[in-house]
Amino acid sequence: MIKMSCPYCEAVHDVKEIRTEEKITFKEKLVSYTAIQYECCNCHESFETAEMMDANLLAIREAYEEQYESIMRCLEAFEHYE
């Protein structure tokens, strides 16, 4: 755990990093990814830093590519050989 200012309590408290499985619509497709957040040990609210927001957006993009673009490449390759 680390000490950090909680945006909900507006005070410095211990926070712990948590990872949760989330789903979001990205490019009109439902994407599952692992989100990283902090949870305040005082009020138990979750929040993200700017760096975590960047990392979560990157995780969404990577999950989209893994879940959809590889399928599209396979379909395109299959169509090419027909």
Protein backbone atom coordinates (compact mmCIF):
# COMPACT_ATOMS: atom_id res chain seq x y z
CA MET A 1 0.00 0.00 0.00
CA ILE A 2 1.02 3.55 -0.59
CA LYS A 3 -0.10 6.87 0.82
CA MET A 4 -1.89 9.17 -1.59
CA SER A 5 -4.42 11.95 -1.57
CA CYS A 6 -7.89 10.49 -2.06
CA PRO A 7 -10.08 12.67 -4.30
CA TYR A 8 -13.17 11.60 -2.33
CA CYS A 9 -11.87 12.03 1.23
CA GLU A 10 -9.71 14.99 0.19
CA ALA A 11 -7.02 13.75 2.57
CA VAL A 12 -3.92 11.55 2.42
CA HIS A 13 -4.69 7.90 3.19
CA ASP A 14 -3.37 4.45 2.41
CA VAL A 15 -4.51 3.28 -1.02
CA LYS A 16 -4.13 -0.09 -2.68
CA GLU A 17 -3.88 -0.90 -6.36
CA ILE A 18 -6.75 -3.02 -7.59
CA ARG A 19 -7.37 -4.73 -10.92
CA THR A 20 -10.89 -5.35 -12.16
CA GLU A 21 -12.28 -6.96 -15.27
CA GLU A 22 -14.23 -4.31 -17.16
CA LYS A 23 -16.24 -4.14 -20.37
CA ILE A 24 -16.52 -1.06 -22.58
CA THR A 25 -17.76 -0.27 -26.06
CA PHE A 26 -14.79 0.71 -28.25
CA LYS A 27 -15.18 1.31 -31.98
CA GLU A 28 -18.74 -0.02 -31.72
CA LYS A 29 -17.52 -3.36 -30.28
CA LEU A 30 -17.80 -4.67 -26.73
CA VAL A 31 -14.27 -5.09 -25.37
CA SER A 32 -13.20 -6.85 -22.14
CA TYR A 33 -10.03 -5.64 -20.44
CA THR A 34 -8.30 -5.47 -17.04
CA ALA A 35 -8.54 -1.99 -15.53
CA ILE A 36 -6.07 -0.69 -12.95
CA GLN A 37 -7.30 1.66 -10.20
CA TYR A 38 -6.56 2.69 -6.66
CA GLU A 39 -8.94 2.03 -3.79
CA CYS A 40 -8.86 4.26 -0.72
CA CYS A 41 -8.56 2.22 2.48
CA ASN A 42 -10.57 4.86 4.34
CA CYS A 43 -13.67 5.46 2.18
CA HIS A 44 -13.25 2.42 -0.14
CA GLU A 45 -13.90 4.50 -3.27
CA SER A 46 -11.97 3.67 -6.45
CA PHE A 47 -10.13 6.25 -8.51
CA GLU A 48 -7.53 6.53 -11.25
CA THR A 49 -4.49 8.72 -11.70
CA ALA A 50 -3.75 10.26 -15.10
CA GLU A 51 -1.11 7.57 -15.64
CA MET A 52 -3.64 4.84 -14.86
CA MET A 53 -6.12 6.37 -17.31
CA ASP A 54 -3.43 6.24 -20.01
CA ALA A 55 -2.57 2.62 -19.12
CA ASN A 56 -6.25 1.63 -19.12
CA LEU A 57 -6.82 3.24 -22.52
CA LEU A 58 -3.82 1.35 -23.88
CA ALA A 59 -5.22 -1.88 -22.37
CA ILE A 60 -8.55 -1.20 -24.13
CA ARG A 61 -6.81 -0.70 -27.48
CA GLU A 62 -4.71 -3.84 -27.04
CA ALA A 63 -7.76 -5.87 -26.00
CA TYR A 64 -9.66 -4.61 -29.05
CA GLU A 65 -6.82 -5.66 -31.34
CA GLU A 66 -6.58 -9.05 -29.66
CA GLN A 67 -10.34 -9.68 -29.65
CA TYR A 68 -11.34 -8.27 -33.04
CA GLU A 69 -8.52 -7.37 -35.40
CA SER A 70 -6.98 -10.85 -35.36
CA ILE A 71 -10.40 -12.26 -36.29
CA MET A 72 -10.68 -9.77 -39.15
CA ARG A 73 -7.20 -10.72 -40.43
CA CYS A 74 -8.19 -14.40 -40.40
CA LEU A 75 -11.41 -13.66 -42.29
CA GLU A 76 -9.54 -11.57 -44.85
CA ALA A 77 -6.98 -14.35 -45.34
CA PHE A 78 -9.75 -16.92 -45.73
CA GLU A 79 -11.55 -14.76 -48.31
CA HIS A 80 -8.27 -14.32 -50.20
CA TYR A 81 -7.92 -18.10 -50.65
CA GLU A 82 -11.50 -18.70 -51.80
